[in-house]
PDB file of N, CA and C in Angstrom:
ATOM      1  N   UNK A   1     142.976 106.092 125.785  1.00  0.00           N
ATOM      2  CA  UNK A   1     143.356 104.803 125.475  1.00  0.00           C
ATOM      3  C   UNK A   1     144.829 104.543 125.409  1.00  0.00           C
ATOM      4  N   UNK A   2     145.259 103.575 126.297  1.00  0.00           N
ATOM      5  CA  UNK A   2     146.714 103.387 126.334  1.00  0.00           C
ATOM      6  C   UNK A   2     147.111 102.177 125.340  1.00  0.00           C
ATOM      7  N   UNK A   3     148.181 102.683 124.574  1.00  0.00           N
ATOM      8  CA  UNK A   3     148.699 101.669 123.607  1.00  0.00           C
ATOM      9  C   UNK A   3     149.916 101.038 124.133  1.00  0.00           C
ATOM     10  N   UNK A   4     150.061  99.710 124.038  1.00  0.00           N
ATOM     11  CA  UNK A   4     151.124  98.890 124.692  1.00  0.00           C
ATOM     12  C   UNK A   4     152.327  99.100 123.860  1.00  0.00           C
ATOM     13  N   UNK A   5     153.420  99.086 124.467  1.00  0.00           N
ATOM     14  CA  UNK A   5     154.838  99.017 123.709  1.00  0.00           C
ATOM     15  C   UNK A   5     154.860  98.005 122.760  1.00  0.00           C
ATOM     16  N   UNK A   6     154.433  96.794 123.125  1.00  0.00           N
ATOM     17  CA  UNK A   6     154.419  95.555 122.241  1.00  0.00           C
ATOM     18  C   UNK A   6     153.833  95.806 120.850  1.00  0.00           C
ATOM     19  N   UNK A   7     152.524  96.340 120.993  1.00  0.00           N
ATOM     20  CA  UNK A   7     151.688  96.751 119.847  1.00  0.00           C
ATOM     21  C   UNK A   7     152.555  97.777 118.915  1.00  0.00           C
ATOM     22  N   UNK A   8     153.047  98.682 119.467  1.00  0.00           N
ATOM     23  CA  UNK A   8     153.830  99.761 118.685  1.00  0.00           C
ATOM     24  C   UNK A   8     155.152  99.303 117.921  1.00  0.00           C
ATOM     25  N   UNK A   9     155.667  98.282 118.923  1.00  0.00           N
ATOM     26  CA  UNK A   9     156.938  97.725 118.235  1.00  0.00           C
ATOM     27  C   UNK A   9     156.516  96.619 117.028  1.00  0.00           C
ATOM     28  N   UNK A  10     155.439  95.962 117.267  1.00  0.00           N
ATOM     29  CA  UNK A  10     154.883  94.961 116.415  1.00  0.00           C
ATOM     30  C   UNK A  10     154.410  95.661 115.056  1.00  0.00           C
ATOM     31  N   UNK A  11     153.676  96.844 115.418  1.00  0.00           N
ATOM     32  CA  UNK A  11     153.182  97.650 114.046  1.00  0.00           C
ATOM     33  C   UNK A  11     154.408  98.155 113.410  1.00  0.00           C
ATOM     34  N   UNK A  12     155.446  98.794 113.936  1.00  0.00           N
ATOM     35  CA  UNK A  12     156.641  99.094 113.336  1.00  0.00           C
ATOM     36  C   UNK A  12     157.267  98.077 112.412  1.00  0.00           C
ATOM     37  N   UNK A  13     157.440  96.996 112.994  1.00  0.00           N
ATOM     38  CA  UNK A  13     157.992  95.814 112.369  1.00  0.00           C
ATOM     39  C   UNK A  13     157.297  95.366 111.035  1.00  0.00           C
ATOM     40  N   UNK A  14     156.012  95.413 111.373  1.00  0.00           N
ATOM     41  CA  UNK A  14     155.083  94.942 110.109  1.00  0.00           C
ATOM     42  C   UNK A  14     155.173  95.970 108.929  1.00  0.00           C
ATOM     43  N   UNK A  15     155.130  97.182 109.432  1.00  0.00           N
ATOM     44  CA  UNK A  15     155.217  98.334 108.277  1.00  0.00           C
ATOM     45  C   UNK A  15     156.526  98.403 107.699  1.00  0.00           C
ATOM     46  N   UNK A  16     157.635  98.135 108.428  1.00  0.00           N
ATOM     47  CA  UNK A  16     158.875  98.331 107.840  1.00  0.00           C
ATOM     48  C   UNK A  16     159.136  97.134 106.766  1.00  0.00           C
ATOM     49  N   UNK A  17     158.481  96.089 106.874  1.00  0.00           N
ATOM     50  CA  UNK A  17     158.805  94.830 106.062  1.00  0.00           C
ATOM     51  C   UNK A  17     157.872  95.204 104.748  1.00  0.00           C
ATOM     52  N   UNK A  18     156.748  95.645 104.861  1.00  0.00           N
ATOM     53  CA  UNK A  18     155.694  95.662 103.631  1.00  0.00           C
ATOM     54  C   UNK A  18     156.343  96.303 102.459  1.00  0.00           C
ATOM     55  N   UNK A  19     157.010  97.365 102.634  1.00  0.00           N
ATOM     56  CA  UNK A  19     157.628  98.054 101.530  1.00  0.00           C
ATOM     57  C   UNK A  19     158.707  97.142 100.591  1.00  0.00           C
ATOM     58  N   UNK A  20     159.296  96.433 101.523  1.00  0.00           N
ATOM     59  CA  UNK A  20     160.323  95.433 100.917  1.00  0.00           C
ATOM     60  C   UNK A  20     159.589  94.164 100.093  1.00  0.00           C
ATOM     61  N   UNK A  21     158.136  93.931 100.334  1.00  0.00           N
ATOM     62  CA  UNK A  21     157.758  92.726  99.618  1.00  0.00           C
ATOM     63  C   UNK A  21     157.634  93.305  98.185  1.00  0.00           C
ATOM     64  N   UNK A  22     157.847  92.312  97.177  1.00  0.00           N
ATOM     65  CA  UNK A  22     157.721  92.906  95.920  1.00  0.00           C
ATOM     66  C   UNK A  22     156.270  93.034  95.323  1.00  0.00           C
ATOM     67  N   UNK A  23     156.199  94.018  94.560  1.00  0.00           N
ATOM     68  CA  UNK A  23     154.876  94.179  93.886  1.00  0.00           C
ATOM     69  C   UNK A  23     154.988  93.447  92.618  1.00  0.00           C
ATOM     70  N   UNK A  24     153.888  92.484  92.415  1.00  0.00           N
ATOM     71  CA  UNK A  24     153.934  91.655  91.156  1.00  0.00           C
ATOM     72  C   UNK A  24     153.723  92.551  89.882  1.00  0.00           C
ATOM     73  N   UNK A  25     154.495  92.176  88.945  1.00  0.00           N
ATOM     74  CA  UNK A  25     154.417  92.656  87.498  1.00  0.00           C
ATOM     75  C   UNK A  25     153.744  91.643  86.530  1.00  0.00           C
ATOM     76  N   UNK A  26     153.308  92.260  85.495  1.00  0.00           N
ATOM     77  CA  UNK A  26     152.793  91.538  84.414  1.00  0.00           C
ATOM     78  C   UNK A  26     153.878  90.304  84.001  1.00  0.00           C
ATOM     79  N   UNK A  27     155.045  90.799  83.814  1.00  0.00           N
ATOM     80  CA  UNK A  27     156.227  89.711  83.509  1.00  0.00           C
ATOM     81  C   UNK A  27     156.235  88.629  84.367  1.00  0.00           C
ATOM     82  N   UNK A  28     156.139  88.792  85.645  1.00  0.00           N
ATOM     83  CA  UNK A  28     156.333  87.846  86.792  1.00  0.00           C
ATOM     84  C   UNK A  28     154.993  86.893  86.519  1.00  0.00           C
ATOM     85  N   UNK A  29     153.764  87.679  86.375  1.00  0.00           N
ATOM     86  CA  UNK A  29     152.562  86.820  86.294  1.00  0.00           C
ATOM     87  C   UNK A  29     152.636  85.837  85.068  1.00  0.00           C
ATOM     88  N   UNK A  30     152.956  86.527  83.861  1.00  0.00           N
ATOM     89  CA  UNK A  30     153.237  85.622  82.746  1.00  0.00           C
ATOM     90  C   UNK A  30     154.177  84.350  82.837  1.00  0.00           C
ATOM     91  N   UNK A  31     155.221  84.693  83.567  1.00  0.00           N
ATOM     92  CA  UNK A  31     156.347  83.734  83.762  1.00  0.00           C
ATOM     93  C   UNK A  31     155.681  82.513  84.726  1.00  0.00           C
ATOM     94  N   UNK A  32     154.989  82.907  85.659  1.00  0.00           N
ATOM     95  CA  UNK A  32     154.480  82.060  86.683  1.00  0.00           C
ATOM     96  C   UNK A  32     153.164  81.431  86.148  1.00  0.00           C
ATOM     97  N   UNK A  33     152.448  81.916  85.078  1.00  0.00           N
ATOM     98  CA  UNK A  33     151.380  81.519  84.568  1.00  0.00           C
ATOM     99  C   UNK A  33     150.219  81.729  85.433  1.00  0.00           C
ATOM    100  N   UNK A  34     150.121  82.753  86.146  1.00  0.00           N
ATOM    101  CA  UNK A  34     149.063  83.185  87.199  1.00  0.00           C
ATOM    102  C   UNK A  34     148.708  84.499  86.691  1.00  0.00           C
ATOM    103  N   UNK A  35     147.430  84.742  86.827  1.00  0.00           N
ATOM    104  CA  UNK A  35     146.842  86.100  86.462  1.00  0.00           C
ATOM    105  C   UNK A  35     147.507  87.374  87.501  1.00  0.00           C
ATOM    106  N   UNK A  36     147.871  88.287  86.974  1.00  0.00           N
ATOM    107  CA  UNK A  36     148.492  89.463  87.852  1.00  0.00           C
ATOM    108  C   UNK A  36     147.472  89.840  88.973  1.00  0.00           C
ATOM    109  N   UNK A  37     146.075  89.877  88.805  1.00  0.00           N
ATOM    110  CA  UNK A  37     145.267  90.191  89.976  1.00  0.00           C
ATOM    111  C   UNK A  37     145.342  89.097  90.921  1.00  0.00           C
ATOM    112  N   UNK A  38     145.481  87.934  90.561  1.00  0.00           N
ATOM    113  CA  UNK A  38     145.575  86.828  91.484  1.00  0.00           C
ATOM    114  C   UNK A  38     146.781  87.034  92.513  1.00  0.00           C
ATOM    115  N   UNK A  39     148.016  87.408  91.751  1.00  0.00           N
ATOM    116  CA  UNK A  39     149.401  87.675  92.507  1.00  0.00           C
ATOM    117  C   UNK A  39     149.216  88.849  93.373  1.00  0.00           C
ATOM    118  N   UNK A  40     148.585  89.949  92.965  1.00  0.00           N
ATOM    119  CA  UNK A  40     148.216  91.013  93.826  1.00  0.00           C
ATOM    120  C   UNK A  40     147.616  90.771  94.923  1.00  0.00           C
ATOM    121  N   UNK A  41     146.373  89.996  94.788  1.00  0.00           N
ATOM    122  CA  UNK A  41     145.466  89.623  95.760  1.00  0.00           C
ATOM    123  C   UNK A  41     146.382  88.772  96.954  1.00  0.00           C
ATOM    124  N   UNK A  42     147.338  87.837  96.353  1.00  0.00           N
ATOM    125  CA  UNK A  42     148.021  87.056  97.193  1.00  0.00           C
ATOM    126  C   UNK A  42     148.796  87.831  98.098  1.00  0.00           C
ATOM    127  N   UNK A  43     149.373  88.953  97.644  1.00  0.00           N
ATOM    128  CA  UNK A  43     150.336  89.933  98.367  1.00  0.00           C
ATOM    129  C   UNK A  43     149.478  90.607  99.319  1.00  0.00           C
ATOM    130  N   UNK A  44     148.287  91.040  99.013  1.00  0.00           N
ATOM    131  CA  UNK A  44     147.433  91.616 100.184  1.00  0.00           C
ATOM    132  C   UNK A  44     146.992  90.670 101.142  1.00  0.00           C
ATOM    133  N   UNK A  45     146.651  89.436 100.878  1.00  0.00           N
ATOM    134  CA  UNK A  45     146.368  88.505 101.711  1.00  0.00           C
ATOM    135  C   UNK A  45     147.522  88.146 102.797  1.00  0.00           C
ATOM    136  N   UNK A  46     148.567  87.974 102.140  1.00  0.00           N
ATOM    137  CA  UNK A  46     149.754  87.738 102.881  1.00  0.00           C
ATOM    138  C   UNK A  46     150.065  88.828 104.001  1.00  0.00           C
ATOM    139  N   UNK A  47     150.042  89.943 103.464  1.00  0.00           N
ATOM    140  CA  UNK A  47     150.266  91.119 104.328  1.00  0.00           C
ATOM    141  C   UNK A  47     149.040  91.063 105.486  1.00  0.00           C
ATOM    142  N   UNK A  48     147.859  91.051 104.991  1.00  0.00           N
ATOM    143  CA  UNK A  48     146.633  91.134 105.979  1.00  0.00           C
ATOM    144  C   UNK A  48     146.736  89.791 106.998  1.00  0.00           C
ATOM    145  N   UNK A  49     146.732  88.833 106.556  1.00  0.00           N
ATOM    146  CA  UNK A  49     146.576  87.478 107.357  1.00  0.00           C
ATOM    147  C   UNK A  49     147.637  87.061 108.039  1.00  0.00           C
ATOM    148  N   UNK A  50     148.943  86.986 107.329  1.00  0.00           N
ATOM    149  CA  UNK A  50     150.100  86.458 107.901  1.00  0.00           C
ATOM    150  C   UNK A  50     150.642  87.594 108.819  1.00  0.00           C
ATOM    151  N   UNK A  51     150.643  88.739 108.291  1.00  0.00           N
ATOM    152  CA  UNK A  51     151.388  89.882 108.879  1.00  0.00           C
ATOM    153  C   UNK A  51     150.577  90.320 110.203  1.00  0.00           C
ATOM    154  N   UNK A  52     149.284  89.758 110.300  1.00  0.00           N
ATOM    155  CA  UNK A  52     148.653  90.346 111.646  1.00  0.00           C
ATOM    156  C   UNK A  52     148.963  89.414 112.840  1.00  0.00           C
ATOM    157  N   UNK A  53     149.763  88.430 112.697  1.00  0.00           N
ATOM    158  CA  UNK A  53     150.134  87.498 113.712  1.00  0.00           C
ATOM    159  C   UNK A  53     151.658  87.593 113.938  1.00  0.00           C
ATOM    160  N   UNK A  54     152.543  87.708 112.859  1.00  0.00           N
ATOM    161  CA  UNK A  54     154.011  87.581 113.128  1.00  0.00           C
ATOM    162  C   UNK A  54     154.713  88.463 111.825  1.00  0.00           C
ATOM    163  N   UNK A  55     155.929  88.506 111.975  1.00  0.00           N
ATOM    164  CA  UNK A  55     156.719  89.217 110.995  1.00  0.00           C
ATOM    165  C   UNK A  55     156.715  88.495 109.553  1.00  0.00           C
ATOM    166  N   UNK A  56     156.552  89.302 108.639  1.00  0.00           N
ATOM    167  CA  UNK A  56     156.512  88.711 107.282  1.00  0.00           C
ATOM    168  C   UNK A  56     157.810  88.408 106.810  1.00  0.00           C
ATOM    169  N   UNK A  57     158.140  87.378 106.106  1.00  0.00           N
ATOM    170  CA  UNK A  57     159.273  86.915 105.434  1.00  0.00           C
ATOM    171  C   UNK A  57     159.241  87.218 103.966  1.00  0.00           C
ATOM    172  N   UNK A  58     160.359  87.533 103.422  1.00  0.00           N
ATOM    173  CA  UNK A  58     160.451  87.836 102.067  1.00  0.00           C
ATOM    174  C   UNK A  58     160.235  86.508 101.201  1.00  0.00           C
ATOM    175  N   UNK A  59     159.551  86.452 100.078  1.00  0.00           N
ATOM    176  CA  UNK A  59     159.472  85.274  99.250  1.00  0.00           C
ATOM    177  C   UNK A  59     160.992  84.539  99.044  1.00  0.00           C
ATOM    178  N   UNK A  60     162.025  85.393  98.809  1.00  0.00           N
ATOM    179  CA  UNK A  60     163.250  84.674  98.518  1.00  0.00           C
ATOM    180  C   UNK A  60     164.002  84.166  99.826  1.00  0.00           C
ATOM    181  N   UNK A  61     163.414  84.455 100.967  1.00  0.00           N
ATOM    182  CA  UNK A  61     164.082  83.944 102.097  1.00  0.00           C
ATOM    183  C   UNK A  61     163.725  82.376 102.508  1.00  0.00           C
ATOM    184  N   UNK A  62     162.749  81.801 101.652  1.00  0.00           N
ATOM    185  CA  UNK A  62     162.732  80.403 101.989  1.00  0.00           C
ATOM    186  C   UNK A  62     162.531  79.686 100.587  1.00  0.00           C
ATOM    187  N   UNK A  63     162.845  78.459 100.545  1.00  0.00           N
ATOM    188  CA  UNK A  63     162.831  77.694  99.450  1.00  0.00           C
ATOM    189  C   UNK A  63     161.305  77.266  99.155  1.00  0.00           C
ATOM    190  N   UNK A  64     161.085  76.700  98.068  1.00  0.00           N
ATOM    191  CA  UNK A  64     159.632  76.372  97.544  1.00  0.00           C
ATOM    192  C   UNK A  64     159.152  75.323  98.604  1.00  0.00           C
ATOM    193  N   UNK A  65     159.971  74.319  98.970  1.00  0.00           N
ATOM    194  CA  UNK A  65     159.670  73.252  99.877  1.00  0.00           C
ATOM    195  C   UNK A  65     159.301  73.865 101.348  1.00  0.00           C
ATOM    196  N   UNK A  66     160.094  74.922 101.787  1.00  0.00           N
ATOM    197  CA  UNK A  66     159.850  75.428 103.107  1.00  0.00           C
ATOM    198  C   UNK A  66     158.525  76.361 103.020  1.00  0.00           C
ATOM    199  N   UNK A  67     158.333  76.960 102.008  1.00  0.00           N
ATOM    200  CA  UNK A  67     157.047  77.747 101.801  1.00  0.00           C
ATOM    201  C   UNK A  67     155.873  76.752 101.850  1.00  0.00           C
ATOM    202  N   UNK A  68     155.923  75.758 101.137  1.00  0.00           N
ATOM    203  CA  UNK A  68     154.746  74.734 101.173  1.00  0.00           C
ATOM    204  C   UNK A  68     154.633  74.054 102.614  1.00  0.00           C
ATOM    205  N   UNK A  69     155.808  73.650 103.313  1.00  0.00           N
ATOM    206  CA  UNK A  69     155.646  73.293 104.642  1.00  0.00           C
ATOM    207  C   UNK A  69     155.057  74.489 105.628  1.00  0.00           C
ATOM    208  N   UNK A  70     155.570  75.660 105.362  1.00  0.00           N
ATOM    209  CA  UNK A  70     154.977  76.692 106.314  1.00  0.00           C
ATOM    210  C   UNK A  70     153.565  77.038 106.043  1.00  0.00           C
ATOM    211  N   UNK A  71     153.016  77.041 104.961  1.00  0.00           N
ATOM    212  CA  UNK A  71     151.751  77.291 104.532  1.00  0.00           C
ATOM    213  C   UNK A  71     150.986  76.116 105.196  1.00  0.00           C
ATOM    214  N   UNK A  72     151.358  74.735 105.178  1.00  0.00           N
ATOM    215  CA  UNK A  72     150.635  73.796 105.588  1.00  0.00           C
ATOM    216  C   UNK A  72     150.367  74.144 107.168  1.00  0.00           C
ATOM    217  N   UNK A  73     151.466  74.272 107.718  1.00  0.00           N
ATOM    218  CA  UNK A  73     151.557  74.596 109.418  1.00  0.00           C
ATOM    219  C   UNK A  73     150.574  75.635 109.670  1.00  0.00           C
ATOM    220  N   UNK A  74     150.711  76.738 109.001  1.00  0.00           N
ATOM    221  CA  UNK A  74     149.968  78.018 109.242  1.00  0.00           C
ATOM    222  C   UNK A  74     148.526  77.863 109.080  1.00  0.00           C
ATOM    223  N   UNK A  75     148.314  77.144 108.115  1.00  0.00           N
ATOM    224  CA  UNK A  75     146.809  77.024 107.803  1.00  0.00           C
ATOM    225  C   UNK A  75     146.082  76.388 108.897  1.00  0.00           C
ATOM    226  N   UNK A  76     146.638  75.613 109.597  1.00  0.00           N
ATOM    227  CA  UNK A  76     145.709  75.069 110.731  1.00  0.00           C
ATOM    228  C   UNK A  76     145.457  76.118 111.740  1.00  0.00           C
ATOM    229  N   UNK A  77     146.083  77.107 111.687  1.00  0.00           N
ATOM    230  CA  UNK A  77     145.969  78.194 112.804  1.00  0.00           C
ATOM    231  C   UNK A  77     145.249  79.430 112.180  1.00  0.00           C
ATOM    232  N   UNK A  78     144.714  79.344 110.927  1.00  0.00           N
ATOM    233  CA  UNK A  78     143.998  80.625 110.343  1.00  0.00           C
ATOM    234  C   UNK A  78     142.579  80.227 109.962  1.00  0.00           C
ATOM    235  N   UNK A  79     141.904  81.121 109.533  1.00  0.00           N
ATOM    236  CA  UNK A  79     140.537  81.048 108.909  1.00  0.00           C
ATOM    237  C   UNK A  79     140.552  81.158 107.342  1.00  0.00           C
ATOM    238  N   UNK A  80     141.724  81.288 106.896  1.00  0.00           N
ATOM    239  CA  UNK A  80     141.666  81.436 105.289  1.00  0.00           C
ATOM    240  C   UNK A  80     141.172  80.308 104.526  1.00  0.00           C
ATOM    241  N   UNK A  81     140.657  80.658 103.384  1.00  0.00           N
ATOM    242  CA  UNK A  81     140.151  79.750 102.560  1.00  0.00           C
ATOM    243  C   UNK A  81     141.186  79.078 101.709  1.00  0.00           C
ATOM    244  N   UNK A  82     140.791  77.817 101.104  1.00  0.00           N
ATOM    245  CA  UNK A  82     141.769  77.174 100.092  1.00  0.00           C
ATOM    246  C   UNK A  82     142.062  78.169  99.033  1.00  0.00           C
ATOM    247  N   UNK A  83     141.139  78.964  98.414  1.00  0.00           N
ATOM    248  CA  UNK A  83     141.642  79.779  97.369  1.00  0.00           C
ATOM    249  C   UNK A  83     142.573  80.889  97.933  1.00  0.00           C
ATOM    250  N   UNK A  84     142.356  81.389  99.221  1.00  0.00           N
ATOM    251  CA  UNK A  84     143.366  82.366  99.853  1.00  0.00           C
ATOM    252  C   UNK A  84     144.531  81.897  99.986  1.00  0.00           C
ATOM    253  N   UNK A  85     144.654  80.647 100.555  1.00  0.00           N
ATOM    254  CA  UNK A  85     145.904  79.760 100.689  1.00  0.00           C
ATOM    255  C   UNK A  85     146.727  79.696  99.313  1.00  0.00           C
ATOM    256  N   UNK A  86     146.072  79.344  98.451  1.00  0.00           N
ATOM    257  CA  UNK A  86     146.606  79.236  97.012  1.00  0.00           C
ATOM    258  C   UNK A  86     147.228  80.573  96.445  1.00  0.00           C
ATOM    259  N   UNK A  87     146.307  81.638  96.595  1.00  0.00           N
ATOM    260  CA  UNK A  87     146.722  83.096  96.180  1.00  0.00           C
ATOM    261  C   UNK A  87     148.040  83.460  96.997  1.00  0.00           C
ATOM    262  N   UNK A  88     148.110  83.054  98.135  1.00  0.00           N
ATOM    263  CA  UNK A  88     149.209  83.528  99.042  1.00  0.00           C
ATOM    264  C   UNK A  88     150.488  82.940  98.638  1.00  0.00           C
ATOM    265  N   UNK A  89     150.355  81.492  98.354  1.00  0.00           N
ATOM    266  CA  UNK A  89     151.520  80.737  98.039  1.00  0.00           C
ATOM    267  C   UNK A  89     151.825  81.057  96.650  1.00  0.00           C
ATOM    268  N   UNK A  90     150.889  81.203  95.770  1.00  0.00           N
ATOM    269  CA  UNK A  90     151.313  81.660  94.442  1.00  0.00           C
ATOM    270  C   UNK A  90     152.100  82.951  94.365  1.00  0.00           C
ATOM    271  N   UNK A  91     151.532  83.887  95.180  1.00  0.00           N
ATOM    272  CA  UNK A  91     152.398  85.251  95.304  1.00  0.00           C
ATOM    273  C   UNK A  91     153.893  84.914  95.784  1.00  0.00           C
ATOM    274  N   UNK A  92     153.851  84.095  96.848  1.00  0.00           N
ATOM    275  CA  UNK A  92     155.243  83.972  97.423  1.00  0.00           C
ATOM    276  C   UNK A  92     156.251  83.199  96.520  1.00  0.00           C
ATOM    277  N   UNK A  93     155.640  82.123  95.701  1.00  0.00           N
ATOM    278  CA  UNK A  93     156.467  81.344  94.944  1.00  0.00           C
ATOM    279  C   UNK A  93     156.910  82.054  93.561  1.00  0.00           C
ATOM    280  N   UNK A  94     156.023  83.055  93.095  1.00  0.00           N
ATOM    281  CA  UNK A  94     156.367  83.817  91.919  1.00  0.00           C
ATOM    282  C   UNK A  94     157.495  84.882  92.358  1.00  0.00           C
ATOM    283  N   UNK A  95     157.663  85.076  93.560  1.00  0.00           N
ATOM    284  CA  UNK A  95     158.705  86.161  93.941  1.00  0.00           C
ATOM    285  C   UNK A  95     159.949  85.473  94.071  1.00  0.00           C
ATOM    286  N   UNK A  96     160.147  84.230  93.689  1.00  0.00           N
ATOM    287  CA  UNK A  96     161.594  83.530  94.246  1.00  0.00           C
ATOM    288  C   UNK A  96     162.362  83.845  92.956  1.00  0.00           C
TER     289      UNK A  96
END
């Protein structure tokens, strides 16, 4: 089986960003008013769904308004549910 150079580069970029994404803490969950398990699930969904198509951005890289706009735009290109969208957005905004 031949693996394309593009695939290898994409995988490297994805995996290099994942460790930089914050791991939600109880303190962040309390501050955001969101259950810790929901923030953790939002992180997993962000990595699995968003990272499967493009580079992942750190939560602090965009404003709240920009994240909302991006999620609205990206939602039309995915099969994520309303709940998954909320969990991803909650994770991203709690990391600001």
